[in-house]
């Protein structure tokens, strides 16, 4: 009788080792499939980015991304401007402060300040009192002033996108020294 239990004991360890082998093979298979799926996903995303199919997130302005130095503010003299209202009796008194990237950029903007001020005066004189009194009108004025402030540095013109079948090139983001426009006073009479 002692021979039979030894044979039973010898049969049990191979069953446990087979279960362990199946578990290990299943774990390896899951890892291989997961790694293959991740490789496929990453390579597909990389290929789409190279083809220009995937829109890149809009780049943030340098002053707002991770400022290494605090921005520099460059106040402009207050302006009193006749508005484009019928009769020409309405005027706006506006104080503007330009936000620039750093002190070095502030020096380059100061060199073009008369040109920028003239452009701003022209922009404001083309507006009516009703446009300037609305929040949307003020926001549009800020956008227009930013464009006008970038003109001396090679900006301000909107480029037309060609709809030809050529491969689209990624747009190069150019940073201009003026990154923001703030109103220090805004009176419409």
N, C-alpha and C. Protein backbone atom coordinates (compact mmCIF):
# COMPACT_ATOMS: atom_id res chain seq x y z
N UNK A 1 0.78 -1.18 0.00
CA UNK A 1 0.00 0.00 0.00
C UNK A 1 0.83 1.26 0.00
N UNK A 2 1.97 1.22 0.46
CA UNK A 2 2.81 2.41 0.54
C UNK A 2 3.25 2.88 -0.84
N UNK A 3 3.23 2.06 -1.87
CA UNK A 3 3.62 2.46 -3.21
C UNK A 3 2.56 3.32 -3.88
N UNK A 4 1.32 3.09 -3.58
CA UNK A 4 0.25 3.85 -4.20
C UNK A 4 0.24 5.32 -3.76
N UNK A 5 0.39 5.67 -2.50
CA UNK A 5 0.41 7.08 -2.13
C UNK A 5 1.61 7.82 -2.73
N UNK A 6 2.72 7.15 -2.89
CA UNK A 6 3.88 7.83 -3.50
C UNK A 6 3.59 8.18 -4.95
N UNK A 7 2.88 7.30 -5.65
CA UNK A 7 2.52 7.58 -7.04
C UNK A 7 1.54 8.74 -7.10
N UNK A 8 0.63 8.84 -6.15
CA UNK A 8 -0.34 9.94 -6.11
C UNK A 8 0.38 11.25 -5.81
N UNK A 9 1.35 11.24 -4.93
CA UNK A 9 2.12 12.44 -4.60
C UNK A 9 2.95 12.90 -5.79
N UNK A 10 3.44 11.96 -6.56
CA UNK A 10 4.26 12.31 -7.73
C UNK A 10 3.40 12.95 -8.81
N UNK A 11 2.10 12.62 -8.90
CA UNK A 11 1.23 13.16 -9.93
C UNK A 11 0.76 14.58 -9.59
N UNK A 12 0.67 14.98 -8.33
CA UNK A 12 0.18 16.29 -7.93
C UNK A 12 1.13 17.43 -8.31
N UNK A 13 2.43 17.36 -8.07
CA UNK A 13 3.29 18.49 -8.42
C UNK A 13 3.27 18.86 -9.90
N UNK A 14 3.20 17.93 -10.84
CA UNK A 14 3.12 18.36 -12.22
C UNK A 14 1.84 19.13 -12.52
N UNK A 15 0.72 18.85 -11.87
CA UNK A 15 -0.52 19.59 -12.10
C UNK A 15 -0.37 21.03 -11.63
N UNK A 16 0.26 21.26 -10.50
CA UNK A 16 0.48 22.62 -10.00
C UNK A 16 1.45 23.36 -10.90
N UNK A 17 2.48 22.68 -11.37
CA UNK A 17 3.43 23.35 -12.25
C UNK A 17 2.80 23.68 -13.60
N UNK A 18 1.86 22.88 -14.06
CA UNK A 18 1.16 23.19 -15.32
C UNK A 18 0.28 24.43 -15.14
N UNK A 19 -0.40 24.51 -13.99
CA UNK A 19 -1.23 25.70 -13.72
C UNK A 19 -0.36 26.95 -13.65
N UNK A 20 0.76 26.85 -12.98
CA UNK A 20 1.67 27.99 -12.85
C UNK A 20 2.21 28.38 -14.22
N UNK A 21 2.54 27.40 -15.05
CA UNK A 21 3.04 27.67 -16.40
C UNK A 21 1.98 28.37 -17.24
N UNK A 22 0.72 27.96 -17.12
CA UNK A 22 -0.38 28.59 -17.87
C UNK A 22 -0.57 30.04 -17.40
N UNK A 23 -0.49 30.27 -16.10
CA UNK A 23 -0.65 31.63 -15.55
C UNK A 23 0.48 32.52 -16.05
N UNK A 24 1.70 32.02 -16.03
CA UNK A 24 2.84 32.81 -16.49
C UNK A 24 2.72 33.11 -17.97
N UNK A 25 2.33 32.11 -18.78
CA UNK A 25 2.15 32.33 -20.21
C UNK A 25 1.04 33.35 -20.48
N UNK A 26 -0.04 33.29 -19.72
CA UNK A 26 -1.14 34.25 -19.88
C UNK A 26 -0.66 35.66 -19.54
N UNK A 27 0.12 35.80 -18.46
CA UNK A 27 0.63 37.12 -18.07
C UNK A 27 1.57 37.67 -19.13
N UNK A 28 2.43 36.82 -19.67
CA UNK A 28 3.36 37.25 -20.72
C UNK A 28 2.58 37.65 -21.98
N UNK A 29 1.55 36.89 -22.31
CA UNK A 29 0.72 37.20 -23.48
C UNK A 29 0.02 38.56 -23.29
N UNK A 30 -0.50 38.83 -22.11
CA UNK A 30 -1.16 40.11 -21.83
C UNK A 30 -0.15 41.26 -21.96
N UNK A 31 1.04 41.08 -21.42
CA UNK A 31 2.07 42.12 -21.52
C UNK A 31 2.48 42.37 -22.97
N UNK A 32 2.64 41.30 -23.75
CA UNK A 32 3.03 41.45 -25.16
C UNK A 32 1.93 42.15 -25.94
N UNK A 33 0.69 41.76 -25.74
CA UNK A 33 -0.42 42.39 -26.45
C UNK A 33 -0.58 43.86 -26.03
N UNK A 34 -0.42 44.15 -24.75
CA UNK A 34 -0.50 45.53 -24.28
C UNK A 34 0.62 46.38 -24.86
N UNK A 35 1.82 45.86 -24.87
CA UNK A 35 2.96 46.58 -25.45
C UNK A 35 2.79 46.79 -26.94
N UNK A 36 2.29 45.79 -27.65
CA UNK A 36 2.05 45.91 -29.09
C UNK A 36 0.97 46.95 -29.37
N UNK A 37 -0.10 46.95 -28.57
CA UNK A 37 -1.16 47.94 -28.74
C UNK A 37 -0.66 49.35 -28.48
N UNK A 38 0.15 49.51 -27.43
CA UNK A 38 0.71 50.83 -27.12
C UNK A 38 1.64 51.29 -28.24
N UNK A 39 2.46 50.40 -28.76
CA UNK A 39 3.36 50.76 -29.87
C UNK A 39 2.56 51.18 -31.09
N UNK A 40 1.50 50.43 -31.42
CA UNK A 40 0.66 50.76 -32.57
C UNK A 40 0.01 52.13 -32.38
N UNK A 41 -0.53 52.38 -31.20
CA UNK A 41 -1.20 53.65 -30.92
C UNK A 41 -0.23 54.81 -31.03
N UNK A 42 0.94 54.69 -30.44
CA UNK A 42 1.93 55.77 -30.47
C UNK A 42 2.46 55.99 -31.88
N UNK A 43 2.74 54.93 -32.60
CA UNK A 43 3.27 55.10 -33.96
C UNK A 43 2.21 55.70 -34.88
N UNK A 44 0.96 55.34 -34.70
CA UNK A 44 -0.12 55.92 -35.52
C UNK A 44 -0.27 57.40 -35.21
N UNK A 45 -0.21 57.76 -33.94
CA UNK A 45 -0.34 59.16 -33.54
C UNK A 45 0.85 59.96 -34.07
N UNK A 46 2.03 59.40 -34.03
CA UNK A 46 3.24 60.07 -34.54
C UNK A 46 3.14 60.27 -36.05
N UNK A 47 2.66 59.26 -36.76
CA UNK A 47 2.52 59.36 -38.21
C UNK A 47 1.47 60.40 -38.58
N UNK A 48 0.39 60.47 -37.82
CA UNK A 48 -0.66 61.46 -38.09
C UNK A 48 -0.13 62.86 -37.85
N UNK A 49 0.69 63.04 -36.83
CA UNK A 49 1.25 64.36 -36.55
C UNK A 49 2.20 64.79 -37.67
N UNK A 50 2.95 63.83 -38.22
CA UNK A 50 3.87 64.17 -39.32
C UNK A 50 3.11 64.53 -40.59
N UNK A 51 1.98 63.89 -40.82
CA UNK A 51 1.19 64.17 -42.02
C UNK A 51 0.36 65.43 -41.88
N UNK A 52 0.30 66.00 -40.70
CA UNK A 52 -0.48 67.21 -40.50
C UNK A 52 -1.96 66.94 -40.34
N UNK A 53 -2.35 65.68 -40.15
CA UNK A 53 -3.76 65.35 -40.01
C UNK A 53 -4.28 65.75 -38.64
N UNK A 54 -3.42 65.70 -37.64
CA UNK A 54 -3.84 66.01 -36.29
C UNK A 54 -3.51 67.45 -35.99
N UNK A 55 -4.47 68.20 -35.53
CA UNK A 55 -4.25 69.61 -35.22
C UNK A 55 -3.46 69.70 -33.91
N UNK A 56 -2.40 70.46 -33.96
CA UNK A 56 -1.59 70.65 -32.78
C UNK A 56 -2.30 71.63 -31.86
N UNK A 57 -2.13 71.49 -30.55
CA UNK A 57 -2.77 72.44 -29.65
C UNK A 57 -2.18 73.83 -29.90
N UNK A 58 -3.02 74.87 -29.79
CA UNK A 58 -2.53 76.20 -30.07
C UNK A 58 -1.41 76.59 -29.11
N UNK A 59 -0.34 77.12 -29.64
CA UNK A 59 0.75 77.50 -28.75
C UNK A 59 0.34 78.67 -27.87
N UNK A 60 0.81 78.65 -26.66
CA UNK A 60 0.48 79.72 -25.73
C UNK A 60 1.46 80.88 -25.92
N UNK A 61 1.03 82.04 -25.55
CA UNK A 61 1.90 83.20 -25.64
C UNK A 61 3.04 83.02 -24.65
N UNK A 62 4.19 83.50 -24.98
CA UNK A 62 5.38 83.29 -24.17
C UNK A 62 5.21 83.85 -22.76
N UNK A 63 4.52 84.95 -22.62
CA UNK A 63 4.36 85.57 -21.32
C UNK A 63 3.41 84.78 -20.43
N UNK A 64 2.54 83.97 -21.01
CA UNK A 64 1.56 83.25 -20.23
C UNK A 64 1.90 81.78 -20.05
N UNK A 65 2.83 81.23 -20.82
CA UNK A 65 3.14 79.81 -20.76
C UNK A 65 3.84 79.48 -19.44
N UNK A 66 5.05 79.90 -19.30
CA UNK A 66 5.81 79.69 -18.07
C UNK A 66 6.79 80.85 -17.97
N UNK A 67 6.32 81.98 -17.51
CA UNK A 67 7.18 83.15 -17.54
C UNK A 67 8.41 82.97 -16.66
N UNK A 68 9.56 83.21 -17.26
CA UNK A 68 10.81 83.14 -16.52
C UNK A 68 11.03 84.45 -15.77
N UNK A 69 10.55 85.51 -16.37
CA UNK A 69 10.62 86.83 -15.74
C UNK A 69 9.22 87.43 -15.81
N UNK A 70 8.90 88.32 -14.89
CA UNK A 70 7.58 88.94 -14.97
C UNK A 70 7.49 89.83 -16.20
N UNK A 71 6.29 89.99 -16.77
CA UNK A 71 6.16 90.84 -17.95
C UNK A 71 6.44 92.30 -17.58
N UNK A 72 6.77 93.04 -18.61
CA UNK A 72 7.05 94.46 -18.43
C UNK A 72 5.89 95.22 -19.04
N UNK A 73 5.46 96.27 -18.37
CA UNK A 73 4.35 97.07 -18.85
C UNK A 73 4.87 98.41 -19.35
N UNK A 74 4.40 98.80 -20.52
CA UNK A 74 4.84 100.03 -21.17
C UNK A 74 3.62 100.93 -21.37
N UNK A 75 3.43 101.93 -20.48
CA UNK A 75 2.25 102.80 -20.64
C UNK A 75 2.43 103.77 -21.80
N UNK A 76 1.33 104.00 -22.49
CA UNK A 76 1.31 105.00 -23.56
C UNK A 76 0.58 106.22 -23.00
N UNK A 77 0.84 107.38 -23.58
CA UNK A 77 0.15 108.58 -23.16
C UNK A 77 -1.34 108.43 -23.45
N UNK A 78 -2.18 109.05 -22.61
CA UNK A 78 -3.62 109.02 -22.86
C UNK A 78 -3.93 109.69 -24.18
N UNK A 79 -4.98 109.20 -24.84
CA UNK A 79 -5.35 109.71 -26.16
C UNK A 79 -6.78 110.22 -26.11
N UNK A 80 -7.02 111.35 -26.71
CA UNK A 80 -8.37 111.86 -26.91
C UNK A 80 -8.62 111.85 -28.40
N UNK A 81 -9.65 111.10 -28.82
CA UNK A 81 -9.88 110.84 -30.24
C UNK A 81 -11.32 111.15 -30.60
N UNK A 82 -11.54 111.83 -31.70
CA UNK A 82 -12.89 112.00 -32.25
C UNK A 82 -13.31 110.66 -32.83
N UNK A 83 -14.56 110.29 -32.53
CA UNK A 83 -15.08 109.01 -33.02
C UNK A 83 -15.79 109.19 -34.35
N UNK A 84 -16.10 108.07 -34.98
CA UNK A 84 -16.70 108.08 -36.32
C UNK A 84 -18.21 108.20 -36.28
N UNK A 85 -18.77 108.74 -35.21
CA UNK A 85 -20.21 108.93 -35.12
C UNK A 85 -20.67 110.05 -36.05
N UNK A 86 -21.91 109.98 -36.53
CA UNK A 86 -22.43 111.06 -37.38
C UNK A 86 -22.44 112.38 -36.60
N UNK A 87 -21.99 113.42 -37.23
CA UNK A 87 -21.92 114.73 -36.58
C UNK A 87 -20.57 114.99 -35.95
N UNK A 88 -19.79 113.97 -35.65
CA UNK A 88 -18.45 114.13 -35.12
C UNK A 88 -18.37 114.77 -33.75
N UNK A 89 -19.44 114.64 -32.94
CA UNK A 89 -19.44 115.27 -31.63
C UNK A 89 -18.97 114.34 -30.52
N UNK A 90 -18.83 113.07 -30.79
CA UNK A 90 -18.45 112.10 -29.75
C UNK A 90 -16.94 111.93 -29.75
N UNK A 91 -16.38 111.84 -28.54
CA UNK A 91 -14.94 111.64 -28.38
C UNK A 91 -14.70 110.51 -27.38
N UNK A 92 -13.52 109.93 -27.47
CA UNK A 92 -13.10 108.90 -26.52
C UNK A 92 -11.76 109.30 -25.94
N UNK A 93 -11.65 109.16 -24.64
CA UNK A 93 -10.37 109.37 -23.96
C UNK A 93 -9.93 108.00 -23.46
N UNK A 94 -8.84 107.53 -24.01
CA UNK A 94 -8.40 106.16 -23.72
C UNK A 94 -6.95 106.15 -23.29
N UNK A 95 -6.68 105.47 -22.19
CA UNK A 95 -5.32 105.23 -21.72
C UNK A 95 -4.98 103.78 -21.98
N UNK A 96 -3.85 103.53 -22.62
CA UNK A 96 -3.47 102.16 -22.99
C UNK A 96 -2.09 101.85 -22.39
N UNK A 97 -1.97 100.63 -21.89
CA UNK A 97 -0.69 100.11 -21.42
C UNK A 97 -0.40 98.84 -22.20
N UNK A 98 0.78 98.76 -22.80
CA UNK A 98 1.17 97.58 -23.56
C UNK A 98 1.93 96.62 -22.66
N UNK A 99 1.60 95.35 -22.75
CA UNK A 99 2.32 94.31 -22.01
C UNK A 99 3.34 93.71 -22.96
N UNK A 100 4.63 93.76 -22.58
CA UNK A 100 5.69 93.22 -23.42
C UNK A 100 6.38 92.07 -22.70
N UNK A 101 7.13 91.28 -23.46
CA UNK A 101 7.73 90.06 -22.93
C UNK A 101 8.73 90.34 -21.81
N UNK A 102 9.68 91.22 -22.06
CA UNK A 102 10.70 91.51 -21.07
C UNK A 102 11.26 92.91 -21.30
N UNK A 103 12.25 93.29 -20.50
CA UNK A 103 12.82 94.64 -20.59
C UNK A 103 13.51 94.87 -21.93
N UNK A 104 14.15 93.84 -22.47
CA UNK A 104 14.81 93.99 -23.77
C UNK A 104 13.77 94.28 -24.86
N UNK A 105 12.66 93.56 -24.82
CA UNK A 105 11.58 93.80 -25.78
C UNK A 105 10.98 95.18 -25.58
N UNK A 106 10.93 95.63 -24.34
CA UNK A 106 10.39 96.96 -24.05
C UNK A 106 11.21 98.04 -24.76
N UNK A 107 12.52 97.87 -24.78
CA UNK A 107 13.38 98.84 -25.47
C UNK A 107 13.10 98.87 -26.97
N UNK A 108 12.89 97.69 -27.56
CA UNK A 108 12.62 97.66 -29.01
C UNK A 108 11.23 98.23 -29.31
N UNK A 109 10.27 98.03 -28.43
CA UNK A 109 8.93 98.58 -28.63
C UNK A 109 8.97 100.10 -28.49
N UNK A 110 9.75 100.61 -27.54
CA UNK A 110 9.85 102.06 -27.35
C UNK A 110 10.35 102.75 -28.62
N UNK A 111 11.21 102.09 -29.37
CA UNK A 111 11.73 102.68 -30.61
C UNK A 111 10.62 102.88 -31.63
N UNK A 112 9.59 102.02 -31.60
CA UNK A 112 8.49 102.10 -32.55
C UNK A 112 7.22 102.69 -31.94
N UNK A 113 7.29 103.22 -30.73
CA UNK A 113 6.11 103.72 -30.05
C UNK A 113 5.35 104.79 -30.81
N UNK A 114 5.99 105.75 -31.47
CA UNK A 114 5.22 106.73 -32.25
C UNK A 114 4.41 106.08 -33.38
N UNK A 115 4.97 105.09 -34.03
CA UNK A 115 4.26 104.38 -35.11
C UNK A 115 3.07 103.61 -34.54
N UNK A 116 3.29 102.94 -33.42
CA UNK A 116 2.22 102.17 -32.79
C UNK A 116 1.11 103.11 -32.31
N UNK A 117 1.50 104.23 -31.68
CA UNK A 117 0.51 105.20 -31.20
C UNK A 117 -0.33 105.75 -32.35
N UNK A 118 0.29 106.07 -33.47
CA UNK A 118 -0.43 106.57 -34.63
C UNK A 118 -1.42 105.53 -35.14
N UNK A 119 -1.00 104.27 -35.20
CA UNK A 119 -1.89 103.20 -35.66
C UNK A 119 -3.08 103.04 -34.71
N UNK A 120 -2.83 103.15 -33.41
CA UNK A 120 -3.90 103.02 -32.42
C UNK A 120 -4.89 104.18 -32.57
N UNK A 121 -4.37 105.38 -32.76
CA UNK A 121 -5.26 106.53 -32.96
C UNK A 121 -6.14 106.34 -34.19
N UNK A 122 -5.58 105.83 -35.26
CA UNK A 122 -6.36 105.57 -36.48
C UNK A 122 -7.43 104.50 -36.23
N UNK A 123 -7.08 103.47 -35.47
CA UNK A 123 -8.05 102.41 -35.17
C UNK A 123 -9.22 102.94 -34.36
N UNK A 124 -8.91 103.73 -33.34
CA UNK A 124 -9.97 104.24 -32.47
C UNK A 124 -10.86 105.23 -33.23
N UNK A 125 -10.26 106.07 -34.09
CA UNK A 125 -11.04 107.08 -34.81
C UNK A 125 -12.00 106.45 -35.83
N UNK A 126 -11.83 105.20 -36.17
CA UNK A 126 -12.71 104.52 -37.11
C UNK A 126 -13.90 103.86 -36.40
N UNK A 127 -13.91 103.87 -35.08
CA UNK A 127 -14.98 103.24 -34.31
C UNK A 127 -16.06 104.26 -33.95
N UNK A 128 -17.25 103.73 -33.69
CA UNK A 128 -18.33 104.58 -33.20
C UNK A 128 -18.44 104.41 -31.69
N UNK A 129 -19.17 105.31 -31.04
CA UNK A 129 -19.34 105.24 -29.59
C UNK A 129 -20.07 103.95 -29.21
N UNK A 130 -21.06 103.56 -30.01
CA UNK A 130 -21.80 102.33 -29.71
C UNK A 130 -20.89 101.10 -29.74
N UNK A 131 -19.96 101.05 -30.69
CA UNK A 131 -19.03 99.93 -30.78
C UNK A 131 -18.13 99.88 -29.55
N UNK A 132 -17.63 101.02 -29.13
CA UNK A 132 -16.69 101.06 -28.02
C UNK A 132 -17.36 100.84 -26.67
N UNK A 133 -18.63 101.10 -26.57
CA UNK A 133 -19.32 100.91 -25.30
C UNK A 133 -19.66 99.45 -25.02
N UNK A 134 -19.67 98.61 -26.04
CA UNK A 134 -19.95 97.19 -25.88
C UNK A 134 -18.67 96.43 -25.55
N UNK A 135 -18.79 95.36 -24.78
CA UNK A 135 -17.63 94.54 -24.41
C UNK A 135 -16.98 93.93 -25.65
N UNK A 136 -17.81 93.50 -26.62
CA UNK A 136 -17.27 92.90 -27.85
C UNK A 136 -16.45 93.92 -28.63
N UNK A 137 -16.91 95.17 -28.62
CA UNK A 137 -16.17 96.23 -29.32
C UNK A 137 -14.82 96.49 -28.69
N UNK A 138 -14.76 96.44 -27.37
CA UNK A 138 -13.49 96.64 -26.66
C UNK A 138 -12.54 95.47 -26.94
N UNK A 139 -13.10 94.24 -26.93
CA UNK A 139 -12.26 93.07 -27.22
C UNK A 139 -11.72 93.12 -28.65
N UNK A 140 -12.54 93.54 -29.59
CA UNK A 140 -12.10 93.68 -30.98
C UNK A 140 -11.03 94.74 -31.09
N UNK A 141 -11.18 95.84 -30.34
CA UNK A 141 -10.17 96.90 -30.35
C UNK A 141 -8.84 96.37 -29.80
N UNK A 142 -8.88 95.56 -28.75
CA UNK A 142 -7.65 94.98 -28.19
C UNK A 142 -6.96 94.12 -29.25
N UNK A 143 -7.73 93.28 -29.96
CA UNK A 143 -7.15 92.43 -31.01
C UNK A 143 -6.52 93.28 -32.11
N UNK A 144 -7.23 94.33 -32.51
CA UNK A 144 -6.71 95.20 -33.57
C UNK A 144 -5.45 95.94 -33.12
N UNK A 145 -5.41 96.36 -31.86
CA UNK A 145 -4.22 97.05 -31.35
C UNK A 145 -3.04 96.08 -31.30
N UNK A 146 -3.28 94.83 -30.90
CA UNK A 146 -2.20 93.83 -30.90
C UNK A 146 -1.63 93.64 -32.30
N UNK A 147 -2.52 93.57 -33.30
CA UNK A 147 -2.05 93.43 -34.69
C UNK A 147 -1.25 94.66 -35.10
N UNK A 148 -1.76 95.84 -34.76
CA UNK A 148 -1.07 97.08 -35.13
C UNK A 148 0.29 97.18 -34.44
N UNK A 149 0.39 96.69 -33.21
CA UNK A 149 1.65 96.74 -32.48
C UNK A 149 2.66 95.73 -33.02
N UNK A 150 2.19 94.72 -33.75
CA UNK A 150 3.12 93.73 -34.31
C UNK A 150 3.60 94.11 -35.70
N UNK A 151 2.96 95.09 -36.35
CA UNK A 151 3.34 95.48 -37.71
C UNK A 151 4.79 95.94 -37.80
N UNK A 152 5.30 96.79 -36.90
CA UNK A 152 6.70 97.19 -37.03
C UNK A 152 7.70 96.03 -36.89
N UNK A 153 7.24 94.93 -36.35
CA UNK A 153 8.11 93.77 -36.14
C UNK A 153 7.85 92.67 -37.16
N UNK A 154 7.14 93.02 -38.24
CA UNK A 154 6.91 92.07 -39.33
C UNK A 154 5.61 91.30 -39.22
N UNK A 155 4.70 91.70 -38.36
CA UNK A 155 3.44 90.98 -38.21
C UNK A 155 2.27 91.82 -38.65
N UNK A 156 1.09 91.40 -38.23
CA UNK A 156 -0.11 92.16 -38.49
C UNK A 156 -0.85 91.76 -39.74
N UNK A 157 -0.21 91.11 -40.68
CA UNK A 157 -0.89 90.69 -41.91
C UNK A 157 -1.32 89.26 -41.76
N UNK A 158 -2.55 88.99 -42.15
CA UNK A 158 -3.06 87.62 -42.08
C UNK A 158 -2.72 86.91 -43.38
N UNK A 159 -2.11 85.75 -43.24
CA UNK A 159 -1.71 84.98 -44.42
C UNK A 159 -2.87 84.12 -44.88
N UNK A 160 -3.05 84.08 -46.19
CA UNK A 160 -4.10 83.24 -46.75
C UNK A 160 -3.58 81.81 -46.88
N UNK A 161 -4.43 80.87 -46.48
CA UNK A 161 -4.04 79.47 -46.59
C UNK A 161 -4.42 78.96 -47.96
N UNK A 162 -3.48 78.31 -48.60
CA UNK A 162 -3.77 77.76 -49.92
C UNK A 162 -4.51 76.45 -49.76
N UNK A 163 -5.47 76.24 -50.63
CA UNK A 163 -6.26 75.02 -50.57
C UNK A 163 -5.83 74.04 -51.64
N UNK A 164 -4.59 74.17 -52.07
CA UNK A 164 -4.09 73.26 -53.09
C UNK A 164 -3.85 71.88 -52.47
N UNK A 165 -3.53 70.92 -53.34
CA UNK A 165 -3.34 69.56 -52.88
C UNK A 165 -1.94 69.31 -52.34
N UNK A 166 -1.15 70.37 -52.21
CA UNK A 166 0.19 70.22 -51.67
C UNK A 166 0.11 69.86 -50.19
N UNK A 167 1.17 69.24 -49.72
CA UNK A 167 1.23 68.86 -48.33
C UNK A 167 1.27 70.13 -47.47
N UNK A 168 0.41 70.20 -46.46
CA UNK A 168 0.34 71.39 -45.62
C UNK A 168 1.56 71.43 -44.72
N UNK A 169 2.12 72.61 -44.58
CA UNK A 169 3.25 72.79 -43.68
C UNK A 169 2.72 73.31 -42.36
N UNK A 170 3.40 72.96 -41.30
CA UNK A 170 2.99 73.43 -39.99
C UNK A 170 3.28 74.93 -39.91
N UNK A 171 2.34 75.66 -39.32
CA UNK A 171 2.50 77.10 -39.17
C UNK A 171 3.56 77.38 -38.11
N UNK A 172 4.43 78.30 -38.42
CA UNK A 172 5.48 78.68 -37.49
C UNK A 172 4.93 79.80 -36.63
N UNK A 173 4.97 79.61 -35.32
CA UNK A 173 4.47 80.62 -34.41
C UNK A 173 5.57 81.63 -34.14
N UNK A 174 5.33 82.86 -34.53
CA UNK A 174 6.29 83.93 -34.32
C UNK A 174 5.84 84.71 -33.10
N UNK A 175 6.78 84.97 -32.21
CA UNK A 175 6.45 85.73 -31.01
C UNK A 175 6.85 87.19 -31.21
N UNK A 176 5.87 88.07 -31.03
CA UNK A 176 6.12 89.49 -31.13
C UNK A 176 6.29 90.04 -29.72
N UNK A 177 7.00 91.16 -29.60
CA UNK A 177 7.29 91.67 -28.25
C UNK A 177 6.04 92.08 -27.47
N UNK A 178 5.02 92.60 -28.13
CA UNK A 178 3.81 93.02 -27.44
C UNK A 178 2.88 91.82 -27.31
N UNK A 179 2.58 91.43 -26.06
CA UNK A 179 1.76 90.24 -25.83
C UNK A 179 0.38 90.57 -25.29
N UNK A 180 0.17 91.81 -24.86
CA UNK A 180 -1.14 92.16 -24.31
C UNK A 180 -1.40 93.64 -24.38
N UNK A 181 -2.68 93.99 -24.34
CA UNK A 181 -3.11 95.39 -24.33
C UNK A 181 -4.05 95.57 -23.15
N UNK A 182 -3.74 96.53 -22.31
CA UNK A 182 -4.56 96.81 -21.14
C UNK A 182 -5.05 98.24 -21.21
N UNK A 183 -6.29 98.46 -20.79
CA UNK A 183 -6.83 99.82 -20.75
C UNK A 183 -6.65 100.37 -19.34
N UNK A 184 -5.99 101.51 -19.23
CA UNK A 184 -5.85 102.15 -17.92
C UNK A 184 -6.97 103.16 -17.69
N UNK A 185 -7.55 103.67 -18.76
CA UNK A 185 -8.76 104.51 -18.67
C UNK A 185 -9.52 104.37 -19.99
N UNK A 186 -10.85 104.51 -19.89
CA UNK A 186 -11.67 104.34 -21.09
C UNK A 186 -12.95 105.18 -20.89
N UNK A 187 -12.96 106.35 -21.47
CA UNK A 187 -14.11 107.26 -21.33
C UNK A 187 -14.61 107.61 -22.71
N UNK A 188 -15.92 107.45 -22.91
CA UNK A 188 -16.56 107.83 -24.16
C UNK A 188 -17.59 108.91 -23.83
N UNK A 189 -17.47 110.08 -24.51
CA UNK A 189 -18.40 111.18 -24.25
C UNK A 189 -19.10 111.60 -25.51
